[in-house]
Each structure stands twice: as C-alpha cells, then as structure tokens.
Amino acid sequence: MVDREEELRSQLDTYAEKFDQVQDAINKSNQVFNTFKREMEQVIFLSFSFYISCFFDLFLFYYFEQY
C-alpha cells in the first residue's frame, strides 16, 4: 500500500511538472502573439498613414495644376 502511494505521488509530481511546462509554453505563445499583433497594428497604421499622405499629395498636385 505504501509503495502504491509513493508511485502515485511520483506520478502526481511528474504531471504537475508537465502542467507547469505546458503553462509556460502557453504564456510564451501568448507573448509572441501579442508582440506580433502589436507590430501588425503599427504596420497597418503606418501603411494607412502613407496611403493618406500620398492621396493628399496627389490631390494637391492635381488641384494646383488646374489653377
């Protein structure tokens, strides 16, 4: 009976360690995803800003070209 209890405790420790490893992996994955999301938002913002700037420059060019 004591041997069985020690075996079960050993298994429990092993599973607890594996659970911690899985949690660490999930946390790292979340950090990578959040970093990627933040960088993509910056790229989208800069692309949009560039597009608006080009559109405005083009508008001004054609507007003043007519007059």
N, C-alpha and C. Protein backbone atom coordinates (compact mmCIF):
# COMPACT_ATOMS: atom_id res chain seq x y z
N MET A 1 0.82 -1.19 0.00
CA MET A 1 0.00 0.00 0.00
C MET A 1 0.87 1.27 0.00
N VAL A 2 1.94 1.26 0.77
CA VAL A 2 2.83 2.41 0.85
C VAL A 2 3.54 2.60 -0.49
N ASP A 3 3.93 1.48 -1.12
CA ASP A 3 4.60 1.57 -2.42
C ASP A 3 3.67 2.21 -3.46
N ARG A 4 2.44 1.82 -3.44
CA ARG A 4 1.45 2.36 -4.39
C ARG A 4 1.26 3.86 -4.16
N GLU A 5 1.23 4.28 -2.90
CA GLU A 5 1.09 5.71 -2.58
C GLU A 5 2.29 6.49 -3.08
N GLU A 6 3.48 5.96 -2.89
CA GLU A 6 4.69 6.64 -3.36
C GLU A 6 4.69 6.72 -4.89
N GLU A 7 4.25 5.67 -5.55
CA GLU A 7 4.18 5.66 -7.00
C GLU A 7 3.19 6.71 -7.50
N LEU A 8 2.05 6.79 -6.85
CA LEU A 8 1.04 7.78 -7.24
C LEU A 8 1.53 9.21 -6.99
N ARG A 9 2.22 9.42 -5.89
CA ARG A 9 2.78 10.74 -5.59
C ARG A 9 3.84 11.13 -6.64
N SER A 10 4.63 10.14 -7.02
CA SER A 10 5.64 10.38 -8.05
C SER A 10 4.98 10.76 -9.37
N GLN A 11 3.93 10.07 -9.74
CA GLN A 11 3.20 10.39 -10.95
C GLN A 11 2.58 11.79 -10.87
N LEU A 12 2.04 12.09 -9.69
CA LEU A 12 1.44 13.40 -9.49
C LEU A 12 2.49 14.51 -9.67
N ASP A 13 3.68 14.30 -9.12
CA ASP A 13 4.76 15.28 -9.27
C ASP A 13 5.15 15.43 -10.75
N THR A 14 5.22 14.31 -11.45
CA THR A 14 5.56 14.34 -12.87
C THR A 14 4.52 15.11 -13.66
N TYR A 15 3.24 14.85 -13.41
CA TYR A 15 2.17 15.54 -14.12
C TYR A 15 2.12 17.02 -13.76
N ALA A 16 2.41 17.34 -12.51
CA ALA A 16 2.44 18.75 -12.10
C ALA A 16 3.56 19.48 -12.83
N GLU A 17 4.71 18.83 -12.99
CA GLU A 17 5.83 19.43 -13.70
C GLU A 17 5.48 19.62 -15.18
N LYS A 18 4.86 18.63 -15.78
CA LYS A 18 4.46 18.73 -17.19
C LYS A 18 3.41 19.84 -17.37
N PHE A 19 2.50 19.95 -16.41
CA PHE A 19 1.49 21.01 -16.47
C PHE A 19 2.15 22.38 -16.43
N ASP A 20 3.15 22.54 -15.57
CA ASP A 20 3.88 23.81 -15.50
C ASP A 20 4.58 24.12 -16.82
N GLN A 21 5.14 23.08 -17.45
CA GLN A 21 5.80 23.28 -18.74
C GLN A 21 4.79 23.72 -19.81
N VAL A 22 3.63 23.11 -19.79
CA VAL A 22 2.58 23.49 -20.76
C VAL A 22 2.13 24.92 -20.51
N GLN A 23 1.97 25.28 -19.25
CA GLN A 23 1.57 26.66 -18.93
C GLN A 23 2.62 27.66 -19.38
N ASP A 24 3.89 27.33 -19.17
CA ASP A 24 4.97 28.21 -19.63
C ASP A 24 4.94 28.36 -21.15
N ALA A 25 4.73 27.25 -21.85
CA ALA A 25 4.67 27.30 -23.32
C ALA A 25 3.50 28.17 -23.79
N ILE A 26 2.36 28.05 -23.13
CA ILE A 26 1.19 28.85 -23.50
C ILE A 26 1.46 30.33 -23.23
N ASN A 27 2.09 30.64 -22.12
CA ASN A 27 2.41 32.04 -21.80
C ASN A 27 3.37 32.63 -22.83
N LYS A 28 4.39 31.86 -23.23
CA LYS A 28 5.33 32.34 -24.24
C LYS A 28 4.62 32.54 -25.57
N SER A 29 3.74 31.61 -25.91
CA SER A 29 2.97 31.73 -27.15
C SER A 29 2.11 32.98 -27.14
N ASN A 30 1.48 33.27 -26.02
CA ASN A 30 0.66 34.47 -25.89
C ASN A 30 1.50 35.73 -26.04
N GLN A 31 2.70 35.72 -25.46
CA GLN A 31 3.58 36.87 -25.58
C GLN A 31 3.99 37.10 -27.03
N VAL A 32 4.33 36.01 -27.73
CA VAL A 32 4.72 36.12 -29.14
C VAL A 32 3.54 36.64 -29.96
N PHE A 33 2.36 36.10 -29.72
CA PHE A 33 1.18 36.54 -30.46
C PHE A 33 0.89 38.01 -30.20
N ASN A 34 0.96 38.44 -28.94
CA ASN A 34 0.68 39.84 -28.62
C ASN A 34 1.70 40.77 -29.26
N THR A 35 2.97 40.35 -29.28
CA THR A 35 4.00 41.14 -29.94
C THR A 35 3.72 41.24 -31.43
N PHE A 36 3.37 40.12 -32.05
CA PHE A 36 3.04 40.10 -33.47
C PHE A 36 1.84 41.00 -33.75
N LYS A 37 0.82 40.91 -32.91
CA LYS A 37 -0.38 41.73 -33.10
C LYS A 37 -0.05 43.22 -33.01
N ARG A 38 0.75 43.59 -32.03
CA ARG A 38 1.14 44.99 -31.85
C ARG A 38 1.94 45.49 -33.06
N GLU A 39 2.87 44.65 -33.55
CA GLU A 39 3.66 45.05 -34.71
C GLU A 39 2.80 45.17 -35.96
N MET A 40 1.85 44.27 -36.12
CA MET A 40 0.97 44.35 -37.29
C MET A 40 0.09 45.59 -37.22
N GLU A 41 -0.37 45.96 -36.04
CA GLU A 41 -1.16 47.18 -35.90
C GLU A 41 -0.33 48.40 -36.28
N GLN A 42 0.95 48.40 -35.91
CA GLN A 42 1.83 49.51 -36.28
C GLN A 42 2.03 49.56 -37.79
N VAL A 43 2.23 48.40 -38.40
CA VAL A 43 2.42 48.35 -39.86
C VAL A 43 1.17 48.84 -40.57
N ILE A 44 0.01 48.40 -40.11
CA ILE A 44 -1.25 48.84 -40.72
C ILE A 44 -1.41 50.35 -40.57
N PHE A 45 -1.13 50.87 -39.40
CA PHE A 45 -1.24 52.30 -39.17
C PHE A 45 -0.30 53.08 -40.07
N LEU A 46 0.96 52.63 -40.16
CA LEU A 46 1.93 53.33 -41.00
C LEU A 46 1.56 53.23 -42.47
N SER A 47 1.06 52.08 -42.89
CA SER A 47 0.64 51.91 -44.28
C SER A 47 -0.53 52.84 -44.60
N PHE A 48 -1.48 52.89 -43.69
CA PHE A 48 -2.63 53.76 -43.88
C PHE A 48 -2.20 55.22 -43.91
N SER A 49 -1.31 55.59 -43.01
CA SER A 49 -0.82 56.97 -42.97
C SER A 49 -0.10 57.32 -44.27
N PHE A 50 0.70 56.39 -44.77
CA PHE A 50 1.40 56.60 -46.03
C PHE A 50 0.40 56.77 -47.18
N TYR A 51 -0.60 55.91 -47.19
CA TYR A 51 -1.64 55.97 -48.23
C TYR A 51 -2.35 57.33 -48.20
N ILE A 52 -2.73 57.77 -47.03
CA ILE A 52 -3.42 59.07 -46.89
C ILE A 52 -2.50 60.20 -47.33
N SER A 53 -1.24 60.12 -46.94
CA SER A 53 -0.29 61.16 -47.32
C SER A 53 -0.13 61.22 -48.84
N CYS A 54 0.00 60.07 -49.48
CA CYS A 54 0.12 60.03 -50.94
C CYS A 54 -1.14 60.56 -51.61
N PHE A 55 -2.27 60.17 -51.09
CA PHE A 55 -3.54 60.63 -51.65
C PHE A 55 -3.64 62.15 -51.54
N PHE A 56 -3.29 62.67 -50.37
CA PHE A 56 -3.36 64.12 -50.15
C PHE A 56 -2.39 64.85 -51.08
N ASP A 57 -1.17 64.33 -51.21
CA ASP A 57 -0.19 64.96 -52.11
C ASP A 57 -0.69 64.95 -53.55
N LEU A 58 -1.26 63.83 -53.96
CA LEU A 58 -1.79 63.72 -55.31
C LEU A 58 -2.94 64.71 -55.52
N PHE A 59 -3.80 64.80 -54.53
CA PHE A 59 -4.91 65.75 -54.60
C PHE A 59 -4.40 67.17 -54.75
N LEU A 60 -3.43 67.54 -53.93
CA LEU A 60 -2.88 68.90 -54.01
C LEU A 60 -2.21 69.14 -55.35
N PHE A 61 -1.49 68.15 -55.84
CA PHE A 61 -0.83 68.30 -57.13
C PHE A 61 -1.84 68.58 -58.24
N TYR A 62 -2.89 67.78 -58.32
CA TYR A 62 -3.90 67.99 -59.35
C TYR A 62 -4.72 69.26 -59.13
N TYR A 63 -4.96 69.58 -57.90
CA TYR A 63 -5.75 70.78 -57.58
C TYR A 63 -5.00 72.03 -58.03
N PHE A 64 -3.72 72.13 -57.70
CA PHE A 64 -2.95 73.32 -58.05
C PHE A 64 -2.51 73.31 -59.50
N GLU A 65 -2.52 72.15 -60.11
CA GLU A 65 -2.17 72.07 -61.52
C GLU A 65 -3.28 72.70 -62.38
N GLN A 66 -4.49 72.63 -61.91
CA GLN A 66 -5.62 73.17 -62.66
C GLN A 66 -5.68 74.68 -62.60
N TYR A 67 -5.14 75.27 -61.57
CA TYR A 67 -5.27 76.73 -61.38
C TYR A 67 -3.97 77.44 -61.61
